[in-house]
Amino acid sequence: MTTRKALGRGLDALIPSKREEAREPGDFEKVENIPVDQIVASRYQPRVVFNQEAIKELADSIKEKGVIQPVIVAKKQNGYELVAGERRWRAVKSLGQKTIPALIKVVRDSDALELALIENIQRENLNPIEEANAFLRLMRQRAFTQDELAKNVGKSRPSVANALRLLKLPDKIKDDLADGLLTIGHAKAILALDTDLERLKLRDQIINSALSVRETEQNARSASKKKSQPVDIFLEKVRIDLERKLASQVVIKPKAGKGGAIKINYTGVDDLNRIIELIG
């Protein structure tokens, strides 16, 4: 069983069943209880944010039932480096336990990111931006195409492509996605706009008005449609002049052929009376 085939089959292929022995000499060693303080976090961990409440719940479970699935580690000169299972390792550390069940694996550095990514994807632990960044890093590190990446991490190519598109968003919106303030659906609608300024404006509308995904899509379509309409330079000048004179927002809507309508916004009765006096 080569490492590549194991990766293609997912994380479970890296852990032999009780009835299955390692097929390559030295590939696996038996599960051992190794000192927690001799383990360091993976350099290739794609997960940036660890939910402390979730780790506490996991720690409570481990305290009650023990560590059901061992972590996977790679032997290093002065100890071990995690390959998979950082949440379990953190939970055990929080309990003050001295050892943790671990499967010692021979892993090349070039495979470590892929294994960590697969584990997190299978357990749905990554936020959208963490996943997208891990995809990009893996593509660069392994010179993968999107098709090859999708095959190796068990995703469809469109889902990989959509994830990578999220990295085109402004940092503020990526932070919102990572924090759960925006959903993937919101992000896809925002990406329909061309500029960061337009995207940030729509982001503010979503946050301030608690827009649903459908409402966000409608706003994005309206913004795109409005942008695509040709601007009448004369009417635009008239609109700007009226706004300056009336100190209020003015909208001019020409109709097909001749004519049109002028809309003047006011904030209350006093503002309306002020505008009427200015018009005379």
Protein backbone atom coordinates (compact mmCIF):
# COMPACT_ATOMS: atom_id res chain seq x y z
CA MET A 1 0.00 0.00 0.00
CA THR A 2 1.71 3.16 -1.13
CA THR A 3 1.27 6.50 0.57
CA ARG A 4 -0.42 7.96 -2.50
CA LYS A 5 -3.08 5.24 -2.55
CA ALA A 6 -3.64 5.70 1.16
CA LEU A 7 -4.17 9.42 0.70
CA GLY A 8 -6.55 8.88 -2.16
CA ARG A 9 -8.67 6.55 -0.02
CA GLY A 10 -8.87 9.04 2.84
CA LEU A 11 -7.64 9.12 6.42
CA ASP A 12 -9.19 5.79 7.36
CA ALA A 13 -6.81 4.07 4.95
CA LEU A 14 -3.91 5.26 7.10
CA ILE A 15 -5.15 3.40 10.16
CA PRO A 16 -5.07 -0.39 9.77
CA SER A 17 -7.99 -2.30 11.23
CA LYS A 18 -7.49 -4.69 14.11
CA ARG A 19 -7.37 -7.59 11.65
CA GLU A 20 -5.07 -5.89 9.17
CA GLU A 21 -1.34 -5.74 9.59
CA ALA A 22 0.86 -3.11 8.01
CA ARG A 23 1.64 -4.10 4.46
CA GLU A 24 5.00 -2.35 4.29
CA PRO A 25 7.75 -3.12 6.82
CA GLY A 26 8.25 -0.19 9.17
CA ASP A 27 5.24 1.73 7.76
CA PHE A 28 3.26 1.38 10.98
CA GLU A 29 4.16 0.59 14.53
CA LYS A 30 1.70 -0.58 17.15
CA VAL A 31 -0.42 1.93 19.03
CA GLU A 32 1.55 3.21 22.01
CA ASN A 33 0.80 5.49 24.93
CA ILE A 34 3.32 8.27 24.48
CA PRO A 35 3.96 11.33 26.70
CA VAL A 36 1.71 14.24 25.84
CA ASP A 37 4.48 16.76 26.48
CA GLN A 38 6.71 15.09 23.88
CA ILE A 39 4.22 15.92 21.11
CA VAL A 40 4.22 19.21 19.21
CA ALA A 41 1.48 20.57 16.96
CA SER A 42 1.75 19.98 13.24
CA ARG A 43 3.47 22.64 11.15
CA TYR A 44 0.93 21.82 8.45
CA GLN A 45 -2.26 22.10 10.50
CA PRO A 46 -4.75 23.92 8.24
CA ARG A 47 -7.04 24.72 11.15
CA VAL A 48 -6.36 28.16 12.63
CA VAL A 49 -9.25 28.55 15.07
CA PHE A 50 -9.98 25.94 17.74
CA ASN A 51 -13.38 26.19 19.43
CA GLN A 52 -12.61 25.97 23.13
CA GLU A 53 -16.15 24.92 24.02
CA ALA A 54 -15.95 22.02 21.56
CA ILE A 55 -12.58 20.97 23.00
CA LYS A 56 -14.08 21.05 26.51
CA GLU A 57 -16.93 18.80 25.36
CA LEU A 58 -14.40 16.44 23.80
CA ALA A 59 -12.37 16.47 27.02
CA ASP A 60 -15.49 15.56 29.01
CA SER A 61 -16.10 12.65 26.64
CA ILE A 62 -12.49 11.49 26.90
CA LYS A 63 -12.66 11.72 30.69
CA GLU A 64 -15.72 9.48 30.64
CA LYS A 65 -14.80 7.00 27.89
CA GLY A 66 -11.12 7.52 27.12
CA VAL A 67 -9.51 8.24 23.75
CA ILE A 68 -11.40 6.01 21.34
CA GLN A 69 -9.28 6.77 18.28
CA PRO A 70 -5.52 7.28 18.64
CA VAL A 71 -3.82 10.37 17.30
CA ILE A 72 -1.32 9.91 14.47
CA VAL A 73 2.20 11.19 14.98
CA ALA A 74 5.50 11.23 13.13
CA LYS A 75 8.71 10.46 15.01
CA LYS A 76 11.08 13.40 15.18
CA GLN A 77 14.55 13.79 16.64
CA ASN A 78 13.36 15.17 19.97
CA GLY A 79 9.89 13.71 20.22
CA TYR A 80 6.83 13.53 17.97
CA GLU A 81 4.92 15.82 15.61
CA LEU A 82 1.18 15.49 15.18
CA VAL A 83 -0.10 14.37 11.81
CA ALA A 84 -3.77 14.06 12.77
CA GLY A 85 -5.78 14.47 15.96
CA GLU A 86 -4.86 17.89 17.34
CA ARG A 87 -8.26 18.40 18.97
CA ARG A 88 -7.91 15.09 20.84
CA TRP A 89 -4.36 16.04 21.87
CA ARG A 90 -5.51 19.45 23.15
CA ALA A 91 -8.41 17.86 25.03
CA VAL A 92 -6.12 15.33 26.72
CA LYS A 93 -3.68 18.11 27.66
CA SER A 94 -6.52 20.10 29.21
CA LEU A 95 -7.34 17.13 31.43
CA GLY A 96 -3.77 16.99 32.68
CA GLN A 97 -3.28 13.43 31.46
CA LYS A 98 0.33 12.44 30.97
CA THR A 99 0.00 10.10 27.97
CA ILE A 100 -2.17 9.65 24.90
CA PRO A 101 -2.69 6.65 22.59
CA ALA A 102 -0.80 7.30 19.37
CA LEU A 103 -0.08 5.55 16.12
CA ILE A 104 3.47 6.29 15.00
CA LYS A 105 3.56 6.76 11.24
CA VAL A 106 6.38 7.25 8.80
CA VAL A 107 5.27 10.40 7.00
CA ARG A 108 7.15 12.56 4.54
CA ASP A 109 6.88 16.30 5.12
CA SER A 110 5.37 16.60 1.65
CA ASP A 111 2.44 14.41 2.77
CA ALA A 112 1.82 15.95 6.18
CA LEU A 113 -0.35 18.84 4.97
CA GLU A 114 -2.46 16.51 2.85
CA LEU A 115 -3.10 14.16 5.78
CA ALA A 116 -3.99 17.01 8.13
CA LEU A 117 -6.34 18.47 5.53
CA ILE A 118 -8.06 15.16 4.88
CA GLU A 119 -8.62 14.58 8.59
CA ASN A 120 -10.17 17.98 9.12
CA ILE A 121 -12.38 17.71 6.02
CA GLN A 122 -13.66 14.29 7.06
CA ARG A 123 -14.55 15.66 10.48
CA GLU A 124 -15.90 18.97 9.09
CA ASN A 125 -13.72 20.98 11.46
CA LEU A 126 -12.42 23.68 9.11
CA ASN A 127 -14.12 27.01 8.47
CA PRO A 128 -14.45 27.95 4.76
CA ILE A 129 -11.36 30.18 4.69
CA GLU A 130 -9.15 27.66 6.49
CA GLU A 131 -10.23 25.02 3.99
CA ALA A 132 -9.63 27.31 1.00
CA ASN A 133 -6.16 28.29 2.23
CA ALA A 134 -5.30 24.64 2.81
CA PHE A 135 -6.45 23.77 -0.73
CA LEU A 136 -4.28 26.52 -2.19
CA ARG A 137 -1.26 25.55 -0.13
CA LEU A 138 -1.66 21.90 -1.10
CA MET A 139 -2.00 22.74 -4.80
CA ARG A 140 1.20 24.75 -4.68
CA GLN A 141 3.10 22.23 -2.58
CA ARG A 142 2.14 19.19 -4.65
CA ALA A 143 1.68 20.93 -8.01
CA PHE A 144 -1.88 19.60 -8.13
CA THR A 145 -4.50 20.65 -10.63
CA GLN A 146 -7.97 21.29 -9.22
CA ASP A 147 -9.05 17.87 -10.51
CA GLU A 148 -6.14 16.12 -8.80
CA LEU A 149 -6.71 18.00 -5.57
CA ALA A 150 -10.42 17.16 -5.56
CA LYS A 151 -9.67 13.47 -6.09
CA ASN A 152 -7.13 13.34 -3.28
CA VAL A 153 -9.24 15.10 -0.66
CA GLY A 154 -12.52 13.44 -1.61
CA LYS A 155 -14.27 16.55 -2.95
CA SER A 156 -15.86 17.39 -6.29
CA ARG A 157 -13.90 19.69 -8.59
CA PRO A 158 -16.63 22.41 -8.51
CA SER A 159 -16.58 22.44 -4.71
CA VAL A 160 -12.79 22.90 -4.76
CA ALA A 161 -13.09 25.68 -7.37
CA ASN A 162 -15.79 27.45 -5.35
CA ALA A 163 -13.68 27.19 -2.19
CA LEU A 164 -10.67 28.74 -3.91
CA ARG A 165 -12.80 31.62 -5.23
CA LEU A 166 -13.45 32.69 -1.63
CA LEU A 167 -9.82 33.78 -1.40
CA LYS A 168 -10.59 36.57 -3.89
CA LEU A 169 -12.80 38.29 -1.30
CA PRO A 170 -11.57 41.29 0.72
CA ASP A 171 -9.95 40.35 4.04
CA LYS A 172 -12.83 41.82 6.03
CA ILE A 173 -15.31 39.49 4.33
CA LYS A 174 -12.97 36.50 4.72
CA ASP A 175 -12.82 37.25 8.44
CA ASP A 176 -16.64 37.31 8.56
CA LEU A 177 -16.75 33.91 6.88
CA ALA A 178 -14.21 32.49 9.30
CA ASP A 179 -16.17 33.89 12.26
CA GLY A 180 -19.48 32.55 10.96
CA LEU A 181 -21.03 36.01 10.44
CA LEU A 182 -21.52 35.24 6.74
CA THR A 183 -22.38 31.95 5.06
CA ILE A 184 -20.99 30.39 1.90
CA GLY A 185 -24.24 31.40 0.18
CA HIS A 186 -23.69 35.04 1.12
CA ALA A 187 -20.11 34.85 -0.12
CA LYS A 188 -21.13 33.42 -3.51
CA ALA A 189 -23.61 36.27 -3.98
CA ILE A 190 -20.97 38.84 -3.02
CA LEU A 191 -18.53 37.34 -5.53
CA ALA A 192 -20.98 38.16 -8.32
CA LEU A 193 -19.93 41.82 -7.93
CA ASP A 194 -16.79 43.03 -9.68
CA THR A 195 -15.00 45.33 -7.26
CA ASP A 196 -13.97 45.14 -3.61
CA LEU A 197 -15.80 48.42 -2.97
CA GLU A 198 -19.08 46.95 -4.24
CA ARG A 199 -18.50 43.73 -2.31
CA LEU A 200 -17.80 45.54 0.95
CA LYS A 201 -20.88 47.70 0.46
CA LEU A 202 -23.05 44.61 0.01
CA ARG A 203 -21.33 42.99 3.01
CA ASP A 204 -22.35 45.98 5.16
CA GLN A 205 -25.95 45.64 3.95
CA ILE A 206 -25.97 41.95 4.92
CA ILE A 207 -24.58 42.61 8.41
CA ASN A 208 -26.66 45.73 9.16
CA SER A 209 -29.96 44.42 7.78
CA ALA A 210 -29.48 40.69 8.53
CA LEU A 211 -30.12 39.85 4.87
CA SER A 212 -30.87 36.27 3.93
CA VAL A 213 -28.93 34.60 1.13
CA ARG A 214 -31.84 35.12 -1.27
CA GLU A 215 -32.08 38.81 -0.39
CA THR A 216 -28.33 39.14 -0.85
CA GLU A 217 -28.56 37.54 -4.30
CA GLN A 218 -31.34 39.97 -5.25
CA ASN A 219 -29.28 42.96 -4.07
CA ALA A 220 -26.26 41.70 -6.01
CA ARG A 221 -28.35 41.34 -9.19
CA SER A 222 -29.80 44.82 -8.74
CA ALA A 223 -26.34 46.33 -8.26
CA SER A 224 -25.04 44.55 -11.38
CA LYS A 225 -28.06 45.60 -13.44
CA LYS A 226 -27.77 49.20 -12.31
CA LYS A 227 -24.08 49.21 -13.20
CA SER A 228 -24.74 47.79 -16.66
CA GLN A 229 -27.22 50.53 -17.58
CA PRO A 230 -25.68 53.36 -19.62
CA VAL A 231 -25.48 56.70 -17.81
CA ASP A 232 -27.00 59.77 -19.49
CA ILE A 233 -24.38 62.43 -18.80
CA PHE A 234 -26.92 65.30 -19.01
CA LEU A 235 -29.39 63.66 -16.62
CA GLU A 236 -26.59 62.74 -14.22
CA LYS A 237 -25.50 66.38 -14.12
CA VAL A 238 -29.08 67.49 -13.47
CA ARG A 239 -29.41 64.93 -10.66
CA ILE A 240 -26.19 66.11 -8.99
CA ASP A 241 -27.24 69.77 -9.26
CA LEU A 242 -30.64 69.04 -7.72
CA GLU A 243 -29.08 67.09 -4.85
CA ARG A 244 -26.76 70.02 -4.10
CA LYS A 245 -29.58 72.60 -4.18
CA LEU A 246 -32.09 70.51 -2.22
CA ALA A 247 -29.58 68.82 0.13
CA SER A 248 -31.47 65.58 -0.37
CA GLN A 249 -31.10 62.39 -2.39
CA VAL A 250 -32.54 62.66 -5.90
CA VAL A 251 -33.28 59.85 -8.36
CA ILE A 252 -34.10 60.50 -12.01
CA LYS A 253 -35.82 57.67 -13.88
CA PRO A 254 -36.17 58.26 -17.63
CA LYS A 255 -38.82 56.22 -19.42
CA ALA A 256 -38.61 54.64 -22.86
CA GLY A 257 -39.11 57.31 -25.47
CA LYS A 258 -39.77 60.67 -23.80
CA GLY A 259 -40.44 61.71 -20.26
CA GLY A 260 -39.60 60.16 -16.95
CA ALA A 261 -39.84 60.79 -13.21
CA ILE A 262 -37.87 62.64 -10.55
CA LYS A 263 -37.86 61.18 -7.05
CA ILE A 264 -36.79 63.35 -4.10
CA ASN A 265 -36.25 61.63 -0.76
CA TYR A 266 -37.09 63.32 2.55
CA THR A 267 -36.55 62.19 6.14
CA GLY A 268 -39.65 63.64 7.82
CA VAL A 269 -42.35 66.33 7.74
CA ASP A 270 -39.93 69.12 8.59
CA ASP A 271 -37.55 67.99 5.85
CA LEU A 272 -40.45 67.82 3.38
CA ASN A 273 -41.52 71.39 4.22
CA ARG A 274 -37.92 72.54 3.79
CA ILE A 275 -37.76 71.00 0.32
CA ILE A 276 -41.12 72.51 -0.68
CA GLU A 277 -39.92 75.98 0.34
CA LEU A 278 -36.74 75.53 -1.71
CA ILE A 279 -38.73 74.48 -4.75
CA GLY A 280 -40.95 77.52 -4.20
